[in-house]
């Protein structure tokens, strides 16, 4: 749980970086400068309503002030800094292309699937949305029992609550896709 001191520090940091006085924020948020000062010093915690009004006055997503880890407004990951790892349910690897931003819900990854024609597709479901753009090779997606055979340049989008899964359609070539998801995977 994030502390009152940290919430206040973030509010003050944004206020000062925008060259706003306590009185400027008071006028925009409709909250007294004294109360905002108490919040900034960690002497009191803002109500949800007060935090929403302060965030609006500072033109910042409210999540920025309460996220456990202070996040940047923009996700930038250089090629050499990408987090790489093995896939959990399929033979292949993944590279994280985006990190979290305040209030952000989308994640993108570069997925490389090892050759594997004839593999069975393991279906699962969860909250969120998913989409993919095939960059190389052929990938079979199954959504609610219907098979979609995608090739380079094809894309797919579906609600993740539907039973779904995918596999490389080739036994001799790897396949690559950019995969987008919401809610379930946050990096």
N, C-alpha and C. Protein backbone atom coordinates (compact mmCIF):
# COMPACT_ATOMS: atom_id res chain seq x y z
N UNK A 1 0.85 -1.19 0.00
CA UNK A 1 0.00 0.00 0.00
C UNK A 1 0.89 1.24 0.00
N UNK A 2 0.57 2.17 -0.85
CA UNK A 2 1.35 3.39 -0.96
C UNK A 2 1.05 4.32 0.22
N UNK A 3 2.06 4.98 0.73
CA UNK A 3 1.91 5.82 1.92
C UNK A 3 1.37 7.21 1.56
N UNK A 4 0.81 7.87 2.56
CA UNK A 4 0.35 9.25 2.39
C UNK A 4 1.52 10.15 2.00
N UNK A 5 2.70 9.90 2.59
CA UNK A 5 3.88 10.71 2.26
C UNK A 5 4.20 10.61 0.77
N UNK A 6 4.12 9.40 0.21
CA UNK A 6 4.46 9.20 -1.20
C UNK A 6 3.42 9.84 -2.11
N UNK A 7 2.15 9.71 -1.77
CA UNK A 7 1.10 10.37 -2.56
C UNK A 7 1.34 11.88 -2.56
N UNK A 8 1.59 12.43 -1.40
CA UNK A 8 1.84 13.87 -1.27
C UNK A 8 3.08 14.30 -2.04
N UNK A 9 4.14 13.50 -1.96
CA UNK A 9 5.38 13.83 -2.67
C UNK A 9 5.13 13.90 -4.17
N UNK A 10 4.35 12.94 -4.69
CA UNK A 10 4.06 12.91 -6.13
C UNK A 10 3.20 14.10 -6.54
N UNK A 11 2.22 14.44 -5.73
CA UNK A 11 1.37 15.60 -6.04
C UNK A 11 2.21 16.87 -6.09
N UNK A 12 3.06 17.04 -5.08
CA UNK A 12 3.91 18.24 -5.04
C UNK A 12 4.88 18.27 -6.23
N UNK A 13 5.44 17.14 -6.55
CA UNK A 13 6.38 17.05 -7.68
C UNK A 13 5.71 17.49 -8.98
N UNK A 14 4.50 16.98 -9.24
CA UNK A 14 3.79 17.34 -10.47
C UNK A 14 3.39 18.81 -10.43
N UNK A 15 2.90 19.26 -9.29
CA UNK A 15 2.48 20.67 -9.17
C UNK A 15 3.65 21.59 -9.47
N UNK A 16 4.79 21.32 -8.86
CA UNK A 16 5.96 22.18 -9.05
C UNK A 16 6.52 22.07 -10.48
N UNK A 17 6.49 20.87 -11.07
CA UNK A 17 7.00 20.72 -12.43
C UNK A 17 6.12 21.46 -13.44
N UNK A 18 4.84 21.67 -13.08
CA UNK A 18 3.92 22.44 -13.92
C UNK A 18 3.92 23.93 -13.55
N UNK A 19 4.81 24.31 -12.63
CA UNK A 19 4.95 25.70 -12.18
C UNK A 19 3.63 26.26 -11.64
N UNK A 20 2.95 25.43 -10.84
CA UNK A 20 1.69 25.84 -10.24
C UNK A 20 1.88 26.08 -8.75
N UNK A 21 1.21 27.08 -8.24
CA UNK A 21 1.21 27.32 -6.79
C UNK A 21 0.07 26.53 -6.17
N UNK A 22 0.07 26.45 -4.85
CA UNK A 22 -1.05 25.81 -4.14
C UNK A 22 -2.35 26.53 -4.48
N UNK A 23 -2.30 27.85 -4.60
CA UNK A 23 -3.49 28.65 -4.92
C UNK A 23 -3.99 28.33 -6.34
N UNK A 24 -3.06 28.08 -7.28
CA UNK A 24 -3.47 27.70 -8.65
C UNK A 24 -4.26 26.40 -8.62
N UNK A 25 -3.75 25.43 -7.86
CA UNK A 25 -4.42 24.12 -7.78
C UNK A 25 -5.74 24.27 -7.03
N UNK A 26 -5.76 25.11 -6.00
CA UNK A 26 -7.00 25.37 -5.27
C UNK A 26 -8.08 25.87 -6.23
N UNK A 27 -7.72 26.80 -7.09
CA UNK A 27 -8.68 27.38 -8.03
C UNK A 27 -9.18 26.33 -9.03
N UNK A 28 -8.29 25.47 -9.49
CA UNK A 28 -8.66 24.46 -10.49
C UNK A 28 -9.42 23.29 -9.88
N UNK A 29 -9.04 22.89 -8.66
CA UNK A 29 -9.60 21.68 -8.05
C UNK A 29 -10.77 21.95 -7.12
N UNK A 30 -10.89 23.20 -6.66
CA UNK A 30 -11.95 23.51 -5.71
C UNK A 30 -11.67 22.94 -4.33
N UNK A 31 -10.39 22.77 -4.01
CA UNK A 31 -9.96 22.26 -2.70
C UNK A 31 -9.03 23.31 -2.11
N UNK A 32 -9.16 23.60 -0.83
CA UNK A 32 -8.37 24.67 -0.23
C UNK A 32 -6.87 24.39 -0.33
N UNK A 33 -6.11 25.47 -0.52
CA UNK A 33 -4.65 25.37 -0.60
C UNK A 33 -4.10 24.75 0.68
N UNK A 34 -4.72 25.05 1.81
CA UNK A 34 -4.27 24.50 3.09
C UNK A 34 -4.41 22.97 3.08
N UNK A 35 -5.54 22.48 2.60
CA UNK A 35 -5.77 21.03 2.55
C UNK A 35 -4.79 20.36 1.57
N UNK A 36 -4.57 20.99 0.43
CA UNK A 36 -3.61 20.43 -0.54
C UNK A 36 -2.22 20.38 0.07
N UNK A 37 -1.86 21.42 0.80
CA UNK A 37 -0.55 21.45 1.47
C UNK A 37 -0.43 20.32 2.49
N UNK A 38 -1.50 20.06 3.23
CA UNK A 38 -1.50 18.96 4.21
C UNK A 38 -1.32 17.61 3.50
N UNK A 39 -1.97 17.47 2.35
CA UNK A 39 -1.83 16.23 1.58
C UNK A 39 -0.40 16.09 1.08
N UNK A 40 0.15 17.17 0.54
CA UNK A 40 1.52 17.14 0.03
C UNK A 40 2.54 16.81 1.11
N UNK A 41 2.30 17.24 2.32
CA UNK A 41 3.22 16.95 3.43
C UNK A 41 2.94 15.60 4.09
N UNK A 42 1.94 14.86 3.59
CA UNK A 42 1.64 13.55 4.14
C UNK A 42 0.90 13.59 5.47
N UNK A 43 0.39 14.75 5.81
CA UNK A 43 -0.31 14.91 7.10
C UNK A 43 -1.72 14.33 7.06
N UNK A 44 -2.27 14.24 5.86
CA UNK A 44 -3.60 13.67 5.69
C UNK A 44 -3.64 12.97 4.33
N UNK A 45 -4.55 12.02 4.23
CA UNK A 45 -4.69 11.35 2.93
C UNK A 45 -5.88 11.95 2.20
N UNK A 46 -5.76 12.08 0.90
CA UNK A 46 -6.88 12.66 0.15
C UNK A 46 -8.01 11.64 0.01
N UNK A 47 -9.22 12.11 0.02
CA UNK A 47 -10.34 11.23 -0.31
C UNK A 47 -10.23 10.89 -1.80
N UNK A 48 -10.96 9.90 -2.24
CA UNK A 48 -10.95 9.56 -3.66
C UNK A 48 -11.39 10.76 -4.49
N UNK A 49 -12.44 11.43 -4.04
CA UNK A 49 -12.95 12.61 -4.75
C UNK A 49 -11.91 13.72 -4.83
N UNK A 50 -11.23 13.98 -3.71
CA UNK A 50 -10.21 15.02 -3.70
C UNK A 50 -9.05 14.65 -4.62
N UNK A 51 -8.64 13.40 -4.59
CA UNK A 51 -7.54 12.95 -5.45
C UNK A 51 -7.92 13.09 -6.92
N UNK A 52 -9.16 12.75 -7.27
CA UNK A 52 -9.61 12.89 -8.65
C UNK A 52 -9.59 14.35 -9.09
N UNK A 53 -10.03 15.26 -8.21
CA UNK A 53 -10.05 16.68 -8.56
C UNK A 53 -8.63 17.25 -8.66
N UNK A 54 -7.75 16.83 -7.76
CA UNK A 54 -6.35 17.29 -7.82
C UNK A 54 -5.68 16.76 -9.08
N UNK A 55 -5.89 15.49 -9.38
CA UNK A 55 -5.30 14.89 -10.59
C UNK A 55 -5.79 15.62 -11.83
N UNK A 56 -7.08 15.94 -11.87
CA UNK A 56 -7.63 16.68 -13.00
C UNK A 56 -7.00 18.06 -13.10
N UNK A 57 -6.85 18.73 -11.98
CA UNK A 57 -6.24 20.06 -11.96
C UNK A 57 -4.79 20.00 -12.43
N UNK A 58 -4.10 18.91 -12.14
CA UNK A 58 -2.70 18.74 -12.53
C UNK A 58 -2.54 18.07 -13.90
N UNK A 59 -3.71 17.74 -14.52
CA UNK A 59 -3.74 17.08 -15.82
C UNK A 59 -2.90 15.80 -15.82
N UNK A 60 -3.17 14.99 -14.81
CA UNK A 60 -2.44 13.73 -14.64
C UNK A 60 -3.45 12.63 -14.36
N UNK A 61 -3.17 11.41 -14.83
CA UNK A 61 -4.03 10.28 -14.54
C UNK A 61 -3.98 10.03 -13.03
N UNK A 62 -5.13 9.87 -12.37
CA UNK A 62 -5.13 9.64 -10.92
C UNK A 62 -4.30 8.44 -10.50
N UNK A 63 -4.20 7.44 -11.37
CA UNK A 63 -3.43 6.24 -11.04
C UNK A 63 -1.97 6.57 -10.76
N UNK A 64 -1.45 7.61 -11.38
CA UNK A 64 -0.05 7.99 -11.17
C UNK A 64 0.26 8.19 -9.68
N UNK A 65 -0.69 8.74 -8.96
CA UNK A 65 -0.46 9.09 -7.56
C UNK A 65 -0.58 7.89 -6.61
N UNK A 66 -1.22 6.82 -7.06
CA UNK A 66 -1.46 5.69 -6.15
C UNK A 66 -0.82 4.38 -6.61
N UNK A 67 -0.22 4.34 -7.82
CA UNK A 67 0.47 3.13 -8.26
C UNK A 67 1.57 2.82 -7.25
N UNK A 68 1.77 1.54 -6.97
CA UNK A 68 2.79 1.11 -6.02
C UNK A 68 4.17 1.63 -6.43
N UNK A 69 4.47 1.50 -7.71
CA UNK A 69 5.75 1.96 -8.25
C UNK A 69 5.48 3.21 -9.07
N UNK A 70 6.27 4.24 -8.89
CA UNK A 70 6.09 5.46 -9.67
C UNK A 70 6.42 5.17 -11.13
N UNK A 71 5.46 5.41 -12.00
CA UNK A 71 5.59 5.06 -13.41
C UNK A 71 5.69 6.31 -14.27
N UNK A 72 6.40 6.19 -15.38
CA UNK A 72 6.47 7.27 -16.35
C UNK A 72 5.18 7.33 -17.16
N UNK A 73 4.91 8.47 -17.77
CA UNK A 73 3.73 8.65 -18.60
C UNK A 73 3.88 7.99 -19.96
N UNK A 74 5.11 7.72 -20.35
CA UNK A 74 5.40 7.13 -21.65
C UNK A 74 6.24 5.89 -21.44
N UNK A 75 5.92 4.83 -22.16
CA UNK A 75 6.71 3.61 -22.11
C UNK A 75 7.67 3.62 -23.28
N UNK A 76 8.95 3.64 -22.99
CA UNK A 76 9.97 3.56 -24.02
C UNK A 76 10.95 2.47 -23.60
N UNK A 77 11.12 1.49 -24.46
CA UNK A 77 12.08 0.42 -24.19
C UNK A 77 12.98 0.30 -25.42
N UNK A 78 14.27 0.57 -25.23
CA UNK A 78 15.23 0.44 -26.33
C UNK A 78 15.41 -1.04 -26.66
N UNK A 79 15.77 -1.32 -27.88
CA UNK A 79 15.95 -2.69 -28.35
C UNK A 79 16.83 -3.49 -27.41
N UNK A 80 17.95 -2.91 -27.00
CA UNK A 80 18.90 -3.63 -26.15
C UNK A 80 18.40 -3.81 -24.70
N UNK A 81 17.35 -3.10 -24.34
CA UNK A 81 16.82 -3.19 -22.97
C UNK A 81 15.58 -4.07 -22.84
N UNK A 82 15.15 -4.67 -23.92
CA UNK A 82 13.95 -5.50 -23.86
C UNK A 82 14.14 -6.68 -22.91
N UNK A 83 13.12 -6.91 -22.11
CA UNK A 83 13.10 -8.06 -21.21
C UNK A 83 12.71 -9.29 -22.03
N UNK A 84 13.60 -10.29 -22.04
CA UNK A 84 13.36 -11.48 -22.84
C UNK A 84 13.14 -12.68 -21.92
N UNK A 85 12.32 -13.60 -22.37
CA UNK A 85 12.06 -14.79 -21.58
C UNK A 85 11.36 -15.86 -22.40
N UNK A 86 11.20 -17.00 -21.77
CA UNK A 86 10.51 -18.12 -22.41
C UNK A 86 9.00 -17.94 -22.27
N UNK A 87 8.26 -18.49 -23.19
CA UNK A 87 6.81 -18.50 -23.08
C UNK A 87 6.39 -19.53 -22.05
N UNK A 88 5.30 -19.27 -21.37
CA UNK A 88 4.84 -20.19 -20.33
C UNK A 88 4.12 -21.41 -20.88
N UNK A 89 3.29 -21.23 -21.89
CA UNK A 89 2.43 -22.32 -22.35
C UNK A 89 2.74 -22.83 -23.76
N UNK A 90 3.70 -22.21 -24.44
CA UNK A 90 4.00 -22.59 -25.81
C UNK A 90 5.51 -22.63 -25.98
N UNK A 91 6.02 -23.47 -26.90
CA UNK A 91 7.46 -23.48 -27.16
C UNK A 91 7.86 -22.23 -27.94
N UNK A 92 8.72 -21.42 -27.35
CA UNK A 92 9.16 -20.19 -27.99
C UNK A 92 9.61 -19.18 -26.97
N UNK A 93 9.71 -17.93 -27.40
CA UNK A 93 10.19 -16.88 -26.51
C UNK A 93 9.36 -15.61 -26.67
N UNK A 94 9.55 -14.69 -25.75
CA UNK A 94 8.84 -13.42 -25.78
C UNK A 94 9.78 -12.29 -25.41
N UNK A 95 9.52 -11.13 -25.95
CA UNK A 95 10.24 -9.91 -25.59
C UNK A 95 9.20 -8.86 -25.25
N UNK A 96 9.29 -8.27 -24.08
CA UNK A 96 8.35 -7.25 -23.65
C UNK A 96 8.65 -5.95 -24.41
N UNK A 97 7.65 -5.40 -25.08
CA UNK A 97 7.81 -4.18 -25.88
C UNK A 97 7.33 -2.93 -25.16
N UNK A 98 6.45 -3.10 -24.16
CA UNK A 98 5.94 -1.95 -23.42
C UNK A 98 5.97 -2.25 -21.93
N UNK A 99 6.19 -1.20 -21.16
CA UNK A 99 6.09 -1.33 -19.71
C UNK A 99 4.84 -0.59 -19.25
N UNK A 100 4.52 -0.70 -18.00
CA UNK A 100 3.31 -0.06 -17.49
C UNK A 100 3.46 1.45 -17.45
N UNK A 101 2.33 2.13 -17.62
CA UNK A 101 2.24 3.57 -17.42
C UNK A 101 1.07 3.79 -16.46
N UNK A 102 0.97 4.94 -15.81
CA UNK A 102 -0.12 5.16 -14.86
C UNK A 102 -1.48 4.94 -15.48
N UNK A 103 -2.24 4.03 -14.91
CA UNK A 103 -3.57 3.75 -15.42
C UNK A 103 -3.57 2.93 -16.70
N UNK A 104 -2.38 2.58 -17.17
CA UNK A 104 -2.26 1.84 -18.42
C UNK A 104 -2.77 0.42 -18.30
N UNK A 105 -3.34 -0.08 -19.37
CA UNK A 105 -3.89 -1.42 -19.34
C UNK A 105 -3.42 -2.28 -20.49
N UNK A 106 -2.57 -1.74 -21.34
CA UNK A 106 -2.17 -2.51 -22.51
C UNK A 106 -0.70 -2.91 -22.41
N UNK A 107 -0.44 -4.10 -22.86
CA UNK A 107 0.91 -4.65 -22.88
C UNK A 107 1.15 -5.19 -24.28
N UNK A 108 2.35 -5.01 -24.80
CA UNK A 108 2.67 -5.63 -26.09
C UNK A 108 3.97 -6.42 -25.96
N UNK A 109 4.01 -7.50 -26.70
CA UNK A 109 5.17 -8.38 -26.69
C UNK A 109 5.46 -8.85 -28.10
N UNK A 110 6.73 -9.12 -28.37
CA UNK A 110 7.13 -9.78 -29.60
C UNK A 110 7.23 -11.26 -29.26
N UNK A 111 6.37 -12.07 -29.87
CA UNK A 111 6.32 -13.50 -29.58
C UNK A 111 6.97 -14.25 -30.75
N UNK A 112 7.91 -15.14 -30.42
CA UNK A 112 8.51 -16.01 -31.41
C UNK A 112 8.13 -17.44 -31.05
N UNK A 113 7.46 -18.12 -31.96
CA UNK A 113 7.02 -19.49 -31.73
C UNK A 113 7.94 -20.45 -32.49
N UNK A 114 8.45 -21.44 -31.79
CA UNK A 114 9.27 -22.47 -32.41
C UNK A 114 8.41 -23.27 -33.39
N UNK A 115 9.05 -23.90 -34.40
CA UNK A 115 8.27 -24.76 -35.31
C UNK A 115 7.48 -25.79 -34.51
N UNK A 116 6.29 -26.13 -34.99
CA UNK A 116 5.49 -27.06 -34.21
C UNK A 116 4.21 -27.52 -34.84
N UNK A 117 4.19 -27.71 -36.15
CA UNK A 117 2.97 -28.15 -36.82
C UNK A 117 2.47 -29.43 -36.17
N UNK A 118 1.19 -29.54 -36.03
CA UNK A 118 0.61 -30.73 -35.44
C UNK A 118 0.42 -30.62 -33.94
N UNK A 119 0.93 -29.54 -33.34
CA UNK A 119 0.73 -29.35 -31.91
C UNK A 119 -0.75 -29.08 -31.64
N UNK A 120 -1.20 -29.53 -30.52
CA UNK A 120 -2.57 -29.20 -30.14
C UNK A 120 -2.57 -27.82 -29.50
N UNK A 121 -3.64 -27.11 -29.71
CA UNK A 121 -3.78 -25.78 -29.13
C UNK A 121 -4.40 -25.93 -27.76
N UNK A 122 -3.72 -25.43 -26.76
CA UNK A 122 -4.23 -25.45 -25.40
C UNK A 122 -5.03 -24.17 -25.18
N UNK A 123 -6.33 -24.31 -24.96
CA UNK A 123 -7.20 -23.15 -24.79
C UNK A 123 -7.31 -22.75 -23.33
N UNK A 124 -7.50 -21.49 -23.11
CA UNK A 124 -7.71 -20.93 -21.78
C UNK A 124 -8.53 -19.65 -21.94
N UNK A 125 -8.94 -19.07 -20.85
CA UNK A 125 -9.64 -17.80 -20.90
C UNK A 125 -9.36 -17.02 -19.63
N UNK A 126 -9.55 -15.70 -19.70
CA UNK A 126 -9.29 -14.80 -18.58
C UNK A 126 -9.87 -13.44 -18.93
N UNK A 127 -9.77 -12.49 -18.05
CA UNK A 127 -10.27 -11.14 -18.29
C UNK A 127 -9.41 -10.43 -19.33
N UNK A 128 -9.97 -9.46 -20.01
CA UNK A 128 -9.21 -8.61 -20.90
C UNK A 128 -9.50 -8.82 -22.37
N UNK A 129 -8.67 -8.19 -23.19
CA UNK A 129 -8.73 -8.27 -24.64
C UNK A 129 -7.35 -8.68 -25.13
N UNK A 130 -7.31 -9.29 -26.32
CA UNK A 130 -6.03 -9.64 -26.93
C UNK A 130 -6.12 -9.37 -28.43
N UNK A 131 -5.00 -9.04 -29.01
CA UNK A 131 -4.90 -8.84 -30.45
C UNK A 131 -3.50 -9.25 -30.88
N UNK A 132 -3.35 -9.63 -32.13
CA UNK A 132 -2.04 -10.03 -32.64
C UNK A 132 -1.90 -9.61 -34.09
N UNK A 133 -0.67 -9.30 -34.48
CA UNK A 133 -0.31 -9.02 -35.86
C UNK A 133 0.80 -9.99 -36.23
N UNK A 134 0.60 -10.80 -37.25
CA UNK A 134 1.59 -11.80 -37.65
C UNK A 134 2.67 -11.12 -38.48
N UNK A 135 3.91 -11.26 -38.03
CA UNK A 135 5.05 -10.66 -38.71
C UNK A 135 5.76 -11.64 -39.64
N UNK A 136 5.75 -12.92 -39.26
CA UNK A 136 6.50 -13.93 -40.01
C UNK A 136 5.85 -15.29 -39.80
N UNK A 137 5.76 -16.07 -40.84
CA UNK A 137 5.26 -17.43 -40.71
C UNK A 137 3.74 -17.51 -40.68
N UNK A 138 3.27 -18.65 -40.14
CA UNK A 138 1.83 -18.89 -40.03
C UNK A 138 1.51 -19.32 -38.60
N UNK A 139 0.45 -18.76 -38.04
CA UNK A 139 0.04 -19.08 -36.68
C UNK A 139 -1.45 -19.41 -36.69
N UNK A 140 -1.79 -20.54 -36.08
CA UNK A 140 -3.19 -20.92 -35.93
C UNK A 140 -3.70 -20.42 -34.59
N UNK A 141 -4.81 -19.70 -34.64
CA UNK A 141 -5.50 -19.26 -33.43
C UNK A 141 -6.81 -20.02 -33.36
N UNK A 142 -7.17 -20.40 -32.17
CA UNK A 142 -8.48 -20.99 -31.95
C UNK A 142 -9.20 -20.12 -30.92
N UNK A 143 -10.40 -19.66 -31.29
CA UNK A 143 -11.21 -18.83 -30.39
C UNK A 143 -12.60 -19.45 -30.35
N UNK A 144 -13.01 -19.89 -29.16
CA UNK A 144 -14.31 -20.53 -28.96
C UNK A 144 -14.53 -21.67 -29.94
N UNK A 145 -13.48 -22.47 -30.15
CA UNK A 145 -13.58 -23.65 -30.99
C UNK A 145 -13.45 -23.41 -32.48
N UNK A 146 -13.39 -22.14 -32.90
CA UNK A 146 -13.25 -21.84 -34.33
C UNK A 146 -11.78 -21.58 -34.64
N UNK A 147 -11.27 -22.21 -35.69
CA UNK A 147 -9.87 -22.09 -36.09
C UNK A 147 -9.69 -20.94 -37.07
N UNK A 148 -8.68 -20.11 -36.80
CA UNK A 148 -8.30 -19.01 -37.68
C UNK A 148 -6.85 -19.24 -38.08
N UNK A 149 -6.59 -19.37 -39.38
CA UNK A 149 -5.25 -19.61 -39.89
C UNK A 149 -4.69 -18.28 -40.38
N UNK A 150 -3.73 -17.72 -39.64
CA UNK A 150 -3.19 -16.41 -39.96
C UNK A 150 -1.80 -16.53 -40.56
N UNK A 151 -1.54 -15.68 -41.55
CA UNK A 151 -0.24 -15.60 -42.21
C UNK A 151 0.32 -14.19 -42.06
N UNK A 152 1.54 -14.01 -42.52
CA UNK A 152 2.22 -12.71 -42.44
C UNK A 152 1.30 -11.58 -42.88
N UNK A 153 1.16 -10.56 -42.02
CA UNK A 153 0.33 -9.40 -42.31
C UNK A 153 -1.09 -9.50 -41.78
N UNK A 154 -1.56 -10.72 -41.46
CA UNK A 154 -2.91 -10.89 -40.92
C UNK A 154 -2.94 -10.47 -39.46
N UNK A 155 -4.12 -10.12 -38.98
CA UNK A 155 -4.28 -9.75 -37.57
C UNK A 155 -5.58 -10.34 -37.03
N UNK A 156 -5.65 -10.40 -35.71
CA UNK A 156 -6.82 -10.96 -35.02
C UNK A 156 -7.02 -10.18 -33.72
N UNK A 157 -8.28 -10.05 -33.32
CA UNK A 157 -8.63 -9.40 -32.05
C UNK A 157 -9.80 -10.16 -31.44
N UNK A 158 -9.78 -10.37 -30.13
CA UNK A 158 -10.86 -11.10 -29.46
C UNK A 158 -10.89 -10.75 -27.98
N UNK A 159 -12.04 -11.00 -27.37
CA UNK A 159 -12.19 -10.85 -25.93
C UNK A 159 -11.57 -12.08 -25.27
N UNK A 160 -10.72 -11.87 -24.29
CA UNK A 160 -10.00 -12.96 -23.66
C UNK A 160 -10.89 -13.86 -22.81
N UNK A 161 -12.12 -13.43 -22.53
CA UNK A 161 -13.05 -14.30 -21.78
C UNK A 161 -13.45 -15.51 -22.61
N UNK A 162 -13.30 -15.40 -23.93
CA UNK A 162 -13.58 -16.53 -24.80
C UNK A 162 -12.42 -17.52 -24.71
N UNK A 163 -12.71 -18.80 -24.76
CA UNK A 163 -11.65 -19.80 -24.76
C UNK A 163 -10.80 -19.59 -26.01
N UNK A 164 -9.49 -19.50 -25.82
CA UNK A 164 -8.61 -19.20 -26.94
C UNK A 164 -7.22 -19.80 -26.73
N UNK A 165 -6.50 -19.90 -27.80
CA UNK A 165 -5.12 -20.37 -27.78
C UNK A 165 -4.54 -20.26 -29.18
N UNK A 166 -3.22 -20.54 -29.31
CA UNK A 166 -2.58 -20.46 -30.61
C UNK A 166 -1.39 -21.40 -30.66
N UNK A 167 -0.92 -21.66 -31.89
CA UNK A 167 0.30 -22.45 -32.08
C UNK A 167 0.88 -22.12 -33.44
N UNK A 168 2.16 -22.43 -33.61
CA UNK A 168 2.83 -22.28 -34.89
C UNK A 168 2.26 -23.32 -35.84
N UNK A 169 1.89 -22.90 -37.04
CA UNK A 169 1.29 -23.82 -38.01
C UNK A 169 2.35 -24.56 -38.83
N UNK A 170 3.61 -24.22 -38.65
CA UNK A 170 4.68 -24.82 -39.47
C UNK A 170 5.55 -25.76 -38.64
N UNK A 171 5.97 -26.86 -39.26
CA UNK A 171 6.87 -27.79 -38.58
C UNK A 171 8.33 -27.46 -38.88
N UNK A 172 8.58 -26.49 -39.79
CA UNK A 172 9.96 -26.22 -40.17
C UNK A 172 10.41 -24.77 -39.98
N UNK A 173 9.49 -23.84 -39.79
CA UNK A 173 9.86 -22.44 -39.65
C UNK A 173 9.28 -21.83 -38.39
N UNK A 174 10.07 -20.93 -37.78
CA UNK A 174 9.52 -20.21 -36.63
C UNK A 174 8.50 -19.19 -37.13
N UNK A 175 7.67 -18.74 -36.22
CA UNK A 175 6.67 -17.72 -36.53
C UNK A 175 6.83 -16.58 -35.52
N UNK A 176 6.53 -15.37 -35.96
CA UNK A 176 6.64 -14.20 -35.08
C UNK A 176 5.37 -13.37 -35.17
N UNK A 177 4.99 -12.81 -34.03
CA UNK A 177 3.85 -11.91 -33.99
C UNK A 177 4.06 -10.86 -32.92
N UNK A 178 3.43 -9.72 -33.13
CA UNK A 178 3.33 -8.74 -32.05
C UNK A 178 1.98 -9.02 -31.41
N UNK A 179 2.00 -9.22 -30.10
CA UNK A 179 0.83 -9.62 -29.35
C UNK A 179 0.49 -8.51 -28.36
N UNK A 180 -0.76 -8.11 -28.34
CA UNK A 180 -1.25 -7.07 -27.45
C UNK A 180 -2.26 -7.67 -26.48
N UNK A 181 -2.17 -7.29 -25.22
CA UNK A 181 -3.14 -7.78 -24.25
C UNK A 181 -3.47 -6.68 -23.25
N UNK A 182 -4.62 -6.81 -22.63
CA UNK A 182 -5.02 -5.87 -21.58
C UNK A 182 -5.26 -6.62 -20.29
N UNK A 183 -5.12 -5.92 -19.19
CA UNK A 183 -5.47 -6.38 -17.84
C UNK A 183 -4.65 -7.55 -17.30
N UNK A 184 -4.60 -8.67 -17.97
CA UNK A 184 -3.98 -9.85 -17.38
C UNK A 184 -2.47 -9.71 -17.22
N UNK A 185 -1.79 -9.20 -18.24
CA UNK A 185 -0.33 -9.12 -18.20
C UNK A 185 0.11 -7.68 -18.06
N UNK A 186 0.70 -7.36 -16.95
CA UNK A 186 1.22 -6.00 -16.74
C UNK A 186 2.70 -6.11 -16.40
N UNK A 187 3.53 -5.45 -17.19
CA UNK A 187 4.98 -5.51 -16.97
C UNK A 187 5.50 -4.14 -16.67
